Full PDB file with SEQRES, HELIX, SHEET, SSBOND, CRYST1, ORIGX, SCALE, CONECT and MASTER records, all heavy atoms in Angstrom:
SEQRES   1 A   39  HIS PRO ARG GLN THR LEU ASP LEU GLY SER LEU THR GLY          
SEQRES   2 A   39  VAL MET GLY GLU ASP GLU ALA LEU PHE LEU ARG LEU HIS          
SEQRES   3 A   39  PRO HIS VAL ALA ALA HIS PHE PRO ASP GLU TRP LEU ARG          
HELIX    1 AA1 LEU A    8  THR A   12  1                                   5    
HELIX    2 AA2 PRO A   27  ALA A   30  1                                   4    
HELIX    3 AA3 ASP A   35  LEU A   38  5                                   4    
CRYST1    1.000    1.000    1.000  90.00  90.00  90.00 P 1           1          
ORIGX1      1.000000  0.000000  0.000000        0.00000                         
ORIGX2      0.000000  1.000000  0.000000        0.00000                         
ORIGX3      0.000000  0.000000  1.000000        0.00000                         
SCALE1      1.000000  0.000000  0.000000        0.00000                         
SCALE2      0.000000  1.000000  0.000000        0.00000                         
SCALE3      0.000000  0.000000  1.000000        0.00000                         
ATOM      1  N   HIS A   1     -14.012 -12.648 -10.013  1.00  0.00           N  
ATOM      2  CA  HIS A   1     -12.824 -12.701 -10.873  1.00  0.00           C  
ATOM      3  C   HIS A   1     -12.428 -11.282 -11.302  1.00  0.00           C  
ATOM      4  O   HIS A   1     -12.705 -10.854 -12.428  1.00  0.00           O  
ATOM      5  CB  HIS A   1     -13.094 -13.566 -12.109  1.00  0.00           C  
ATOM      6  CG  HIS A   1     -13.556 -14.962 -11.796  1.00  0.00           C  
ATOM      7  ND1 HIS A   1     -12.697 -15.925 -11.295  1.00  0.00           N  
ATOM      8  CD2 HIS A   1     -14.782 -15.537 -11.888  1.00  0.00           C  
ATOM      9  CE1 HIS A   1     -13.376 -17.042 -11.103  1.00  0.00           C  
ATOM     10  NE2 HIS A   1     -14.636 -16.832 -11.439  1.00  0.00           N  
ATOM     11  N   PRO A   2     -11.776 -10.525 -10.399  1.00  0.00           N  
ATOM     12  CA  PRO A   2     -11.334  -9.176 -10.764  1.00  0.00           C  
ATOM     13  C   PRO A   2     -10.345  -9.242 -11.924  1.00  0.00           C  
ATOM     14  O   PRO A   2      -9.488 -10.118 -11.976  1.00  0.00           O  
ATOM     15  CB  PRO A   2     -10.649  -8.670  -9.484  1.00  0.00           C  
ATOM     16  CG  PRO A   2     -11.123  -9.574  -8.406  1.00  0.00           C  
ATOM     17  CD  PRO A   2     -11.407 -10.889  -9.037  1.00  0.00           C  
ATOM     18  N   ARG A   3     -10.456  -8.296 -12.870  1.00  0.00           N  
ATOM     19  CA  ARG A   3      -9.558  -8.319 -14.014  1.00  0.00           C  
ATOM     20  C   ARG A   3      -9.315  -6.911 -14.542  1.00  0.00           C  
ATOM     21  O   ARG A   3     -10.098  -6.001 -14.311  1.00  0.00           O  
ATOM     22  CB  ARG A   3     -10.124  -9.209 -15.127  1.00  0.00           C  
ATOM     23  CG  ARG A   3     -11.461  -8.758 -15.691  1.00  0.00           C  
ATOM     24  CD  ARG A   3     -12.012  -9.783 -16.667  1.00  0.00           C  
ATOM     25  NE  ARG A   3     -13.268  -9.360 -17.278  1.00  0.00           N  
ATOM     26  CZ  ARG A   3     -14.463  -9.563 -16.751  1.00  0.00           C  
ATOM     27  NH1 ARG A   3     -14.554 -10.182 -15.585  1.00  0.00           N  
ATOM     28  NH2 ARG A   3     -15.563  -9.147 -17.352  1.00  0.00           N  
ATOM     29  N   GLN A   4      -8.230  -6.789 -15.263  1.00  0.00           N  
ATOM     30  CA  GLN A   4      -7.856  -5.545 -15.935  1.00  0.00           C  
ATOM     31  C   GLN A   4      -7.771  -5.895 -17.414  1.00  0.00           C  
ATOM     32  O   GLN A   4      -7.034  -6.793 -17.808  1.00  0.00           O  
ATOM     33  CB  GLN A   4      -6.501  -5.074 -15.398  1.00  0.00           C  
ATOM     34  CG  GLN A   4      -6.193  -3.605 -15.639  1.00  0.00           C  
ATOM     35  CD  GLN A   4      -5.882  -3.291 -17.090  1.00  0.00           C  
ATOM     36  OE1 GLN A   4      -6.682  -2.645 -17.754  1.00  0.00           O  
ATOM     37  NE2 GLN A   4      -4.757  -3.752 -17.576  1.00  0.00           N  
ATOM     38  N   THR A   5      -8.555  -5.226 -18.253  1.00  0.00           N  
ATOM     39  CA  THR A   5      -8.780  -5.705 -19.611  1.00  0.00           C  
ATOM     40  C   THR A   5      -7.909  -5.035 -20.672  1.00  0.00           C  
ATOM     41  O   THR A   5      -8.032  -5.363 -21.848  1.00  0.00           O  
ATOM     42  CB  THR A   5     -10.251  -5.513 -20.003  1.00  0.00           C  
ATOM     43  OG1 THR A   5     -10.604  -4.143 -19.819  1.00  0.00           O  
ATOM     44  CG2 THR A   5     -11.147  -6.383 -19.129  1.00  0.00           C  
ATOM     45  N   LEU A   6      -7.063  -4.108 -20.295  1.00  0.00           N  
ATOM     46  CA  LEU A   6      -6.167  -3.474 -21.264  1.00  0.00           C  
ATOM     47  C   LEU A   6      -4.819  -4.177 -21.273  1.00  0.00           C  
ATOM     48  O   LEU A   6      -4.275  -4.522 -20.221  1.00  0.00           O  
ATOM     49  CB  LEU A   6      -5.956  -1.999 -20.919  1.00  0.00           C  
ATOM     50  CG  LEU A   6      -7.092  -1.019 -21.219  1.00  0.00           C  
ATOM     51  CD1 LEU A   6      -6.685   0.383 -20.777  1.00  0.00           C  
ATOM     52  CD2 LEU A   6      -7.457  -1.016 -22.690  1.00  0.00           C  
ATOM     53  N   ASP A   7      -4.268  -4.373 -22.465  1.00  0.00           N  
ATOM     54  CA  ASP A   7      -2.883  -4.822 -22.604  1.00  0.00           C  
ATOM     55  C   ASP A   7      -2.025  -3.565 -22.530  1.00  0.00           C  
ATOM     56  O   ASP A   7      -1.831  -2.854 -23.526  1.00  0.00           O  
ATOM     57  CB  ASP A   7      -2.690  -5.542 -23.940  1.00  0.00           C  
ATOM     58  CG  ASP A   7      -1.273  -6.066 -24.120  1.00  0.00           C  
ATOM     59  OD1 ASP A   7      -0.350  -5.562 -23.440  1.00  0.00           O  
ATOM     60  OD2 ASP A   7      -1.078  -6.955 -24.957  1.00  0.00           O  
ATOM     61  N   LEU A   8      -1.550  -3.267 -21.326  1.00  0.00           N  
ATOM     62  CA  LEU A   8      -0.862  -1.993 -21.097  1.00  0.00           C  
ATOM     63  C   LEU A   8       0.440  -1.906 -21.870  1.00  0.00           C  
ATOM     64  O   LEU A   8       0.819  -0.842 -22.362  1.00  0.00           O  
ATOM     65  CB  LEU A   8      -0.629  -1.809 -19.594  1.00  0.00           C  
ATOM     66  CG  LEU A   8      -1.910  -1.752 -18.742  1.00  0.00           C  
ATOM     67  CD1 LEU A   8      -1.560  -1.691 -17.268  1.00  0.00           C  
ATOM     68  CD2 LEU A   8      -2.772  -0.563 -19.137  1.00  0.00           C  
ATOM     69  N   GLY A   9       1.132  -3.032 -21.988  1.00  0.00           N  
ATOM     70  CA  GLY A   9       2.384  -3.036 -22.746  1.00  0.00           C  
ATOM     71  C   GLY A   9       2.164  -2.654 -24.194  1.00  0.00           C  
ATOM     72  O   GLY A   9       2.920  -1.846 -24.764  1.00  0.00           O  
ATOM     73  N   SER A  10       1.112  -3.205 -24.795  1.00  0.00           N  
ATOM     74  CA  SER A  10       0.794  -2.882 -26.185  1.00  0.00           C  
ATOM     75  C   SER A  10       0.359  -1.432 -26.324  1.00  0.00           C  
ATOM     76  O   SER A  10       0.732  -0.738 -27.274  1.00  0.00           O  
ATOM     77  CB  SER A  10      -0.305  -3.812 -26.696  1.00  0.00           C  
ATOM     78  OG  SER A  10      -0.700  -3.474 -27.995  1.00  0.00           O  
ATOM     79  N   LEU A  11      -0.436  -0.962 -25.347  1.00  0.00           N  
ATOM     80  CA  LEU A  11      -0.959   0.399 -25.426  1.00  0.00           C  
ATOM     81  C   LEU A  11       0.151   1.443 -25.327  1.00  0.00           C  
ATOM     82  O   LEU A  11       0.121   2.462 -26.027  1.00  0.00           O  
ATOM     83  CB  LEU A  11      -1.991   0.614 -24.319  1.00  0.00           C  
ATOM     84  CG  LEU A  11      -2.890   1.842 -24.446  1.00  0.00           C  
ATOM     85  CD1 LEU A  11      -3.649   1.838 -25.762  1.00  0.00           C  
ATOM     86  CD2 LEU A  11      -3.855   1.904 -23.281  1.00  0.00           C  
ATOM     87  N   THR A  12       1.140   1.201 -24.477  1.00  0.00           N  
ATOM     88  CA  THR A  12       2.233   2.172 -24.359  1.00  0.00           C  
ATOM     89  C   THR A  12       3.016   2.285 -25.668  1.00  0.00           C  
ATOM     90  O   THR A  12       3.686   3.296 -25.897  1.00  0.00           O  
ATOM     91  CB  THR A  12       3.190   1.791 -23.210  1.00  0.00           C  
ATOM     92  OG1 THR A  12       3.653   0.447 -23.390  1.00  0.00           O  
ATOM     93  CG2 THR A  12       2.506   1.920 -21.865  1.00  0.00           C  
ATOM     94  N   GLY A  13       2.891   1.276 -26.530  1.00  0.00           N  
ATOM     95  CA  GLY A  13       3.583   1.332 -27.817  1.00  0.00           C  
ATOM     96  C   GLY A  13       3.015   2.382 -28.758  1.00  0.00           C  
ATOM     97  O   GLY A  13       3.720   2.819 -29.680  1.00  0.00           O  
ATOM     98  N   VAL A  14       1.761   2.791 -28.561  1.00  0.00           N  
ATOM     99  CA  VAL A  14       1.163   3.826 -29.418  1.00  0.00           C  
ATOM    100  C   VAL A  14       1.109   5.176 -28.704  1.00  0.00           C  
ATOM    101  O   VAL A  14       0.682   6.172 -29.301  1.00  0.00           O  
ATOM    102  CB  VAL A  14      -0.243   3.412 -29.888  1.00  0.00           C  
ATOM    103  CG1 VAL A  14      -0.187   2.139 -30.694  1.00  0.00           C  
ATOM    104  CG2 VAL A  14      -1.212   3.274 -28.715  1.00  0.00           C  
ATOM    105  N   MET A  15       1.508   5.200 -27.450  1.00  0.00           N  
ATOM    106  CA  MET A  15       1.496   6.459 -26.696  1.00  0.00           C  
ATOM    107  C   MET A  15       2.738   7.277 -27.015  1.00  0.00           C  
ATOM    108  O   MET A  15       3.822   6.728 -27.200  1.00  0.00           O  
ATOM    109  CB  MET A  15       1.439   6.180 -25.181  1.00  0.00           C  
ATOM    110  CG  MET A  15       0.113   5.619 -24.699  1.00  0.00           C  
ATOM    111  SD  MET A  15       0.155   5.047 -22.966  1.00  0.00           S  
ATOM    112  CE  MET A  15       0.704   6.547 -22.127  1.00  0.00           C  
ATOM    113  N   GLY A  16       2.576   8.594 -27.087  1.00  0.00           N  
ATOM    114  CA  GLY A  16       3.710   9.480 -27.302  1.00  0.00           C  
ATOM    115  C   GLY A  16       4.530   9.648 -26.038  1.00  0.00           C  
ATOM    116  O   GLY A  16       4.088   9.300 -24.936  1.00  0.00           O  
ATOM    117  N   GLU A  17       5.709  10.201 -26.194  1.00  0.00           N  
ATOM    118  CA  GLU A  17       6.596  10.405 -25.044  1.00  0.00           C  
ATOM    119  C   GLU A  17       6.024  11.408 -24.047  1.00  0.00           C  
ATOM    120  O   GLU A  17       6.380  11.395 -22.875  1.00  0.00           O  
ATOM    121  CB  GLU A  17       7.976  10.875 -25.520  1.00  0.00           C  
ATOM    122  CG  GLU A  17       8.773   9.823 -26.266  1.00  0.00           C  
ATOM    123  CD  GLU A  17       9.074   8.614 -25.398  1.00  0.00           C  
ATOM    124  OE1 GLU A  17       9.361   8.800 -24.191  1.00  0.00           O  
ATOM    125  OE2 GLU A  17       8.998   7.476 -25.908  1.00  0.00           O  
ATOM    126  N   ASP A  18       5.147  12.264 -24.538  1.00  0.00           N  
ATOM    127  CA  ASP A  18       4.560  13.296 -23.669  1.00  0.00           C  
ATOM    128  C   ASP A  18       3.210  12.881 -23.121  1.00  0.00           C  
ATOM    129  O   ASP A  18       2.429  13.718 -22.661  1.00  0.00           O  
ATOM    130  CB  ASP A  18       4.408  14.609 -24.444  1.00  0.00           C  
ATOM    131  CG  ASP A  18       3.439  14.481 -25.622  1.00  0.00           C  
ATOM    132  OD1 ASP A  18       3.193  13.335 -26.063  1.00  0.00           O  
ATOM    133  OD2 ASP A  18       2.925  15.519 -26.085  1.00  0.00           O  
ATOM    134  N   GLU A  19       2.912  11.570 -23.114  1.00  0.00           N  
ATOM    135  CA  GLU A  19       1.612  11.096 -22.663  1.00  0.00           C  
ATOM    136  C   GLU A  19       1.716  10.243 -21.404  1.00  0.00           C  
ATOM    137  O   GLU A  19       2.752   9.619 -21.150  1.00  0.00           O  
ATOM    138  CB  GLU A  19       0.937  10.256 -23.762  1.00  0.00           C  
ATOM    139  CG  GLU A  19       0.484  11.056 -24.961  1.00  0.00           C  
ATOM    140  CD  GLU A  19      -0.345  10.202 -25.900  1.00  0.00           C  
ATOM    141  OE1 GLU A  19      -1.559  10.046 -25.630  1.00  0.00           O  
ATOM    142  OE2 GLU A  19       0.200   9.684 -26.883  1.00  0.00           O  
ATOM    143  N   ALA A  20       0.620  10.219 -20.659  1.00  0.00           N  
ATOM    144  CA  ALA A  20       0.498   9.347 -19.485  1.00  0.00           C  
ATOM    145  C   ALA A  20      -0.908   8.781 -19.450  1.00  0.00           C  
ATOM    146  O   ALA A  20      -1.868   9.436 -19.878  1.00  0.00           O  
ATOM    147  CB  ALA A  20       0.791  10.119 -18.206  1.00  0.00           C  
ATOM    148  N   LEU A  21      -1.017   7.554 -18.957  1.00  0.00           N  
ATOM    149  CA  LEU A  21      -2.309   6.893 -18.815  1.00  0.00           C  
ATOM    150  C   LEU A  21      -2.588   6.656 -17.339  1.00  0.00           C  
ATOM    151  O   LEU A  21      -1.774   6.068 -16.629  1.00  0.00           O  
ATOM    152  CB  LEU A  21      -2.311   5.556 -19.559  1.00  0.00           C  
ATOM    153  CG  LEU A  21      -3.567   4.681 -19.396  1.00  0.00           C  
ATOM    154  CD1 LEU A  21      -4.785   5.348 -20.037  1.00  0.00           C  
ATOM    155  CD2 LEU A  21      -3.343   3.292 -19.989  1.00  0.00           C  
ATOM    156  N   PHE A  22      -3.757   7.122 -16.866  1.00  0.00           N  
ATOM    157  CA  PHE A  22      -4.192   6.890 -15.490  1.00  0.00           C  
ATOM    158  C   PHE A  22      -5.238   5.772 -15.480  1.00  0.00           C  
ATOM    159  O   PHE A  22      -6.158   5.770 -16.301  1.00  0.00           O  
ATOM    160  CB  PHE A  22      -4.840   8.148 -14.898  1.00  0.00           C  
ATOM    161  CG  PHE A  22      -3.887   9.260 -14.571  1.00  0.00           C  
ATOM    162  CD1 PHE A  22      -4.362  10.463 -14.066  1.00  0.00           C  
ATOM    163  CD2 PHE A  22      -2.518   9.126 -14.766  1.00  0.00           C  
ATOM    164  CE1 PHE A  22      -3.504  11.497 -13.762  1.00  0.00           C  
ATOM    165  CE2 PHE A  22      -1.645  10.158 -14.474  1.00  0.00           C  
ATOM    166  CZ  PHE A  22      -2.135  11.348 -13.971  1.00  0.00           C  
ATOM    167  N   LEU A  23      -5.107   4.856 -14.530  1.00  0.00           N  
ATOM    168  CA  LEU A  23      -6.107   3.815 -14.326  1.00  0.00           C  
ATOM    169  C   LEU A  23      -6.925   4.152 -13.088  1.00  0.00           C  
ATOM    170  O   LEU A  23      -6.373   4.387 -12.009  1.00  0.00           O  
ATOM    171  CB  LEU A  23      -5.447   2.453 -14.129  1.00  0.00           C  
ATOM    172  CG  LEU A  23      -4.480   1.967 -15.218  1.00  0.00           C  
ATOM    173  CD1 LEU A  23      -3.902   0.613 -14.832  1.00  0.00           C  
ATOM    174  CD2 LEU A  23      -5.156   1.899 -16.571  1.00  0.00           C  
ATOM    175  N   ARG A  24      -8.232   4.181 -13.250  1.00  0.00           N  
ATOM    176  CA  ARG A  24      -9.135   4.389 -12.118  1.00  0.00           C  
ATOM    177  C   ARG A  24     -10.084   3.200 -12.081  1.00  0.00           C  
ATOM    178  O   ARG A  24     -11.123   3.178 -12.744  1.00  0.00           O  
ATOM    179  CB  ARG A  24      -9.917   5.694 -12.271  1.00  0.00           C  
ATOM    180  CG  ARG A  24     -10.863   5.993 -11.098  1.00  0.00           C  
ATOM    181  CD  ARG A  24     -10.107   6.399  -9.860  1.00  0.00           C  
ATOM    182  NE  ARG A  24     -11.002   6.794  -8.782  1.00  0.00           N  
ATOM    183  CZ  ARG A  24     -10.605   7.390  -7.661  1.00  0.00           C  
ATOM    184  NH1 ARG A  24      -9.325   7.655  -7.468  1.00  0.00           N  
ATOM    185  NH2 ARG A  24     -11.458   7.729  -6.730  1.00  0.00           N  
ATOM    186  N   LEU A  25      -9.715   2.175 -11.329  1.00  0.00           N  
ATOM    187  CA  LEU A  25     -10.460   0.930 -11.293  1.00  0.00           C  
ATOM    188  C   LEU A  25     -11.400   0.891 -10.090  1.00  0.00           C  
ATOM    189  O   LEU A  25     -11.179   1.592  -9.089  1.00  0.00           O  
ATOM    190  CB  LEU A  25      -9.486  -0.256 -11.227  1.00  0.00           C  
ATOM    191  CG  LEU A  25      -8.412  -0.287 -12.332  1.00  0.00           C  
ATOM    192  CD1 LEU A  25      -7.446  -1.433 -12.096  1.00  0.00           C  
ATOM    193  CD2 LEU A  25      -9.051  -0.399 -13.710  1.00  0.00           C  
ATOM    194  N   HIS A  26     -12.421   0.081 -10.187  1.00  0.00           N  
ATOM    195  CA  HIS A  26     -13.337  -0.102  -9.063  1.00  0.00           C  
ATOM    196  C   HIS A  26     -12.552  -0.607  -7.850  1.00  0.00           C  
ATOM    197  O   HIS A  26     -11.604  -1.388  -8.001  1.00  0.00           O  
ATOM    198  CB  HIS A  26     -14.425  -1.113  -9.451  1.00  0.00           C  
ATOM    199  CG  HIS A  26     -15.483  -1.277  -8.421  1.00  0.00           C  
ATOM    200  ND1 HIS A  26     -15.351  -2.155  -7.355  1.00  0.00           N  
ATOM    201  CD2 HIS A  26     -16.703  -0.691  -8.275  1.00  0.00           C  
ATOM    202  CE1 HIS A  26     -16.439  -2.086  -6.614  1.00  0.00           C  
ATOM    203  NE2 HIS A  26     -17.269  -1.216  -7.138  1.00  0.00           N  
ATOM    204  N   PRO A  27     -12.932  -0.168  -6.625  1.00  0.00           N  
ATOM    205  CA  PRO A  27     -12.171  -0.577  -5.436  1.00  0.00           C  
ATOM    206  C   PRO A  27     -11.949  -2.079  -5.318  1.00  0.00           C  
ATOM    207  O   PRO A  27     -10.878  -2.518  -4.895  1.00  0.00           O  
ATOM    208  CB  PRO A  27     -13.028  -0.047  -4.285  1.00  0.00           C  
ATOM    209  CG  PRO A  27     -13.724   1.137  -4.858  1.00  0.00           C  
ATOM    210  CD  PRO A  27     -13.992   0.800  -6.295  1.00  0.00           C  
ATOM    211  N   HIS A  28     -12.942  -2.883  -5.695  1.00  0.00           N  
ATOM    212  CA  HIS A  28     -12.776  -4.336  -5.569  1.00  0.00           C  
ATOM    213  C   HIS A  28     -11.713  -4.840  -6.537  1.00  0.00           C  
ATOM    214  O   HIS A  28     -10.907  -5.701  -6.187  1.00  0.00           O  
ATOM    215  CB  HIS A  28     -14.111  -5.040  -5.831  1.00  0.00           C  
ATOM    216  CG  HIS A  28     -14.038  -6.530  -5.648  1.00  0.00           C  
ATOM    217  ND1 HIS A  28     -13.945  -7.116  -4.408  1.00  0.00           N  
ATOM    218  CD2 HIS A  28     -14.020  -7.547  -6.550  1.00  0.00           C  
ATOM    219  CE1 HIS A  28     -13.881  -8.432  -4.544  1.00  0.00           C  
ATOM    220  NE2 HIS A  28     -13.921  -8.718  -5.844  1.00  0.00           N  
ATOM    221  N   VAL A  29     -11.706  -4.305  -7.758  1.00  0.00           N  
ATOM    222  CA  VAL A  29     -10.689  -4.694  -8.738  1.00  0.00           C  
ATOM    223  C   VAL A  29      -9.332  -4.155  -8.312  1.00  0.00           C  
ATOM    224  O   VAL A  29      -8.321  -4.860  -8.369  1.00  0.00           O  
ATOM    225  CB  VAL A  29     -11.066  -4.184 -10.141  1.00  0.00           C  
ATOM    226  CG1 VAL A  29      -9.992  -4.554 -11.159  1.00  0.00           C  
ATOM    227  CG2 VAL A  29     -12.427  -4.743 -10.571  1.00  0.00           C  
ATOM    228  N   ALA A  30      -9.313  -2.907  -7.868  1.00  0.00           N  
ATOM    229  CA  ALA A  30      -8.052  -2.287  -7.455  1.00  0.00           C  
ATOM    230  C   ALA A  30      -7.410  -3.029  -6.293  1.00  0.00           C  
ATOM    231  O   ALA A  30      -6.183  -3.119  -6.203  1.00  0.00           O  
ATOM    232  CB  ALA A  30      -8.290  -0.830  -7.080  1.00  0.00           C  
ATOM    233  N   ALA A  31      -8.232  -3.580  -5.407  1.00  0.00           N  
ATOM    234  CA  ALA A  31      -7.705  -4.311  -4.248  1.00  0.00           C  
ATOM    235  C   ALA A  31      -6.967  -5.575  -4.661  1.00  0.00           C  
ATOM    236  O   ALA A  31      -6.155  -6.097  -3.895  1.00  0.00           O  
ATOM    237  CB  ALA A  31      -8.834  -4.648  -3.280  1.00  0.00           C  
ATOM    238  N   HIS A  32      -7.251  -6.072  -5.863  1.00  0.00           N  
ATOM    239  CA  HIS A  32      -6.594  -7.283  -6.369  1.00  0.00           C  
ATOM    240  C   HIS A  32      -5.657  -6.957  -7.538  1.00  0.00           C  
ATOM    241  O   HIS A  32      -5.385  -7.806  -8.370  1.00  0.00           O  
ATOM    242  CB  HIS A  32      -7.654  -8.305  -6.817  1.00  0.00           C  
ATOM    243  CG  HIS A  32      -8.515  -8.806  -5.704  1.00  0.00           C  
ATOM    244  ND1 HIS A  32      -9.627  -8.121  -5.264  1.00  0.00           N  
ATOM    245  CD2 HIS A  32      -8.425  -9.912  -4.924  1.00  0.00           C  
ATOM    246  CE1 HIS A  32     -10.188  -8.786  -4.262  1.00  0.00           C  
ATOM    247  NE2 HIS A  32      -9.489  -9.868  -4.037  1.00  0.00           N  
ATOM    248  N   PHE A  33      -5.189  -5.705  -7.576  1.00  0.00           N  
ATOM    249  CA  PHE A  33      -4.322  -5.250  -8.666  1.00  0.00           C  
ATOM    250  C   PHE A  33      -2.887  -5.713  -8.404  1.00  0.00           C  
ATOM    251  O   PHE A  33      -2.225  -5.204  -7.505  1.00  0.00           O  
ATOM    252  CB  PHE A  33      -4.364  -3.723  -8.749  1.00  0.00           C  
ATOM    253  CG  PHE A  33      -3.727  -3.132  -9.975  1.00  0.00           C  
ATOM    254  CD1 PHE A  33      -4.520  -2.716 -11.033  1.00  0.00           C  
ATOM    255  CD2 PHE A  33      -2.359  -2.987 -10.086  1.00  0.00           C  
ATOM    256  CE1 PHE A  33      -3.958  -2.152 -12.164  1.00  0.00           C  
ATOM    257  CE2 PHE A  33      -1.783  -2.439 -11.212  1.00  0.00           C  
ATOM    258  CZ  PHE A  33      -2.585  -2.022 -12.254  1.00  0.00           C  
ATOM    259  N   PRO A  34      -2.370  -6.663  -9.188  1.00  0.00           N  
ATOM    260  CA  PRO A  34      -1.000  -7.141  -8.936  1.00  0.00           C  
ATOM    261  C   PRO A  34       0.042  -6.214  -9.552  1.00  0.00           C  
ATOM    262  O   PRO A  34      -0.211  -5.564 -10.576  1.00  0.00           O  
ATOM    263  CB  PRO A  34      -0.984  -8.516  -9.630  1.00  0.00           C  
ATOM    264  CG  PRO A  34      -1.975  -8.380 -10.733  1.00  0.00           C  
ATOM    265  CD  PRO A  34      -3.040  -7.423 -10.258  1.00  0.00           C  
ATOM    266  N   ASP A  35       1.212  -6.161  -8.947  1.00  0.00           N  
ATOM    267  CA  ASP A  35       2.275  -5.282  -9.432  1.00  0.00           C  
ATOM    268  C   ASP A  35       2.681  -5.601 -10.866  1.00  0.00           C  
ATOM    269  O   ASP A  35       3.069  -4.708 -11.623  1.00  0.00           O  
ATOM    270  CB  ASP A  35       3.508  -5.389  -8.523  1.00  0.00           C  
ATOM    271  CG  ASP A  35       3.245  -4.818  -7.135  1.00  0.00           C  
ATOM    272  OD1 ASP A  35       2.295  -4.013  -7.006  1.00  0.00           O  
ATOM    273  OD2 ASP A  35       3.964  -5.182  -6.191  1.00  0.00           O  
ATOM    274  N   GLU A  36       2.548  -6.871 -11.264  1.00  0.00           N  
ATOM    275  CA  GLU A  36       3.007  -7.242 -12.601  1.00  0.00           C  
ATOM    276  C   GLU A  36       2.170  -6.613 -13.706  1.00  0.00           C  
ATOM    277  O   GLU A  36       2.608  -6.557 -14.857  1.00  0.00           O  
ATOM    278  CB  GLU A  36       3.041  -8.766 -12.781  1.00  0.00           C  
ATOM    279  CG  GLU A  36       1.753  -9.479 -12.480  1.00  0.00           C  
ATOM    280  CD  GLU A  36       1.745 -10.054 -11.067  1.00  0.00           C  
ATOM    281  OE1 GLU A  36       2.426  -9.490 -10.190  1.00  0.00           O  
ATOM    282  OE2 GLU A  36       1.067 -11.073 -10.851  1.00  0.00           O  
ATOM    283  N   TRP A  37       0.946  -6.148 -13.391  1.00  0.00           N  
ATOM    284  CA  TRP A  37       0.153  -5.476 -14.418  1.00  0.00           C  
ATOM    285  C   TRP A  37       0.847  -4.217 -14.923  1.00  0.00           C  
ATOM    286  O   TRP A  37       0.632  -3.794 -16.055  1.00  0.00           O  
ATOM    287  CB  TRP A  37      -1.219  -5.120 -13.871  1.00  0.00           C  
ATOM    288  CG  TRP A  37      -2.179  -6.277 -13.832  1.00  0.00           C  
ATOM    289  CD1 TRP A  37      -1.943  -7.552 -14.259  1.00  0.00           C  
ATOM    290  CD2 TRP A  37      -3.518  -6.265 -13.327  1.00  0.00           C  
ATOM    291  NE1 TRP A  37      -3.050  -8.340 -14.056  1.00  0.00           N  
ATOM    292  CE2 TRP A  37      -4.039  -7.584 -13.480  1.00  0.00           C  
ATOM    293  CE3 TRP A  37      -4.326  -5.303 -12.759  1.00  0.00           C  
ATOM    294  CZ2 TRP A  37      -5.325  -7.930 -13.098  1.00  0.00           C  
ATOM    295  CZ3 TRP A  37      -5.606  -5.655 -12.359  1.00  0.00           C  
ATOM    296  CH2 TRP A  37      -6.108  -6.947 -12.533  1.00  0.00           C  
ATOM    297  N   LEU A  38       1.671  -3.597 -14.088  1.00  0.00           N  
ATOM    298  CA  LEU A  38       2.348  -2.362 -14.486  1.00  0.00           C  
ATOM    299  C   LEU A  38       3.812  -2.591 -14.872  1.00  0.00           C  
ATOM    300  O   LEU A  38       4.512  -1.641 -15.195  1.00  0.00           O  
ATOM    301  CB  LEU A  38       2.284  -1.335 -13.343  1.00  0.00           C  
ATOM    302  CG  LEU A  38       0.923  -0.686 -13.077  1.00  0.00           C  
ATOM    303  CD1 LEU A  38       1.038   0.324 -11.941  1.00  0.00           C  
ATOM    304  CD2 LEU A  38       0.383   0.002 -14.326  1.00  0.00           C  
ATOM    305  N   ARG A  39       4.240  -3.840 -14.841  1.00  0.00           N  
ATOM    306  CA  ARG A  39       5.643  -4.122 -15.142  1.00  0.00           C  
ATOM    307  C   ARG A  39       5.971  -3.700 -16.574  1.00  0.00           C  
ATOM    308  O   ARG A  39       5.282  -4.065 -17.525  1.00  0.00           O  
ATOM    309  CB  ARG A  39       5.940  -5.606 -14.935  1.00  0.00           C  
ATOM    310  CG  ARG A  39       7.426  -5.949 -14.984  1.00  0.00           C  
ATOM    311  CD  ARG A  39       7.679  -7.318 -14.374  1.00  0.00           C  
ATOM    312  NE  ARG A  39       7.345  -7.344 -12.950  1.00  0.00           N  
ATOM    313  CZ  ARG A  39       6.852  -8.400 -12.337  1.00  0.00           C  
ATOM    314  NH1 ARG A  39       6.603  -9.520 -13.007  1.00  0.00           N  
ATOM    315  NH2 ARG A  39       6.595  -8.344 -11.035  1.00  0.00           N  
TER     316      ARG A  39                                                      
MASTER        0    0    0    3    0    0    0    6  315    1    0    3          
END                                                                             
């Protein structure tokens, strides 16, 4: 059951305009990374 445990939408709400977040997931999790996680 590959999963991504951060609520990215909520997290971007506390990020400044000059910030970026990189995700480095395990290859098995990354292989099942759906596009909607970044929507």
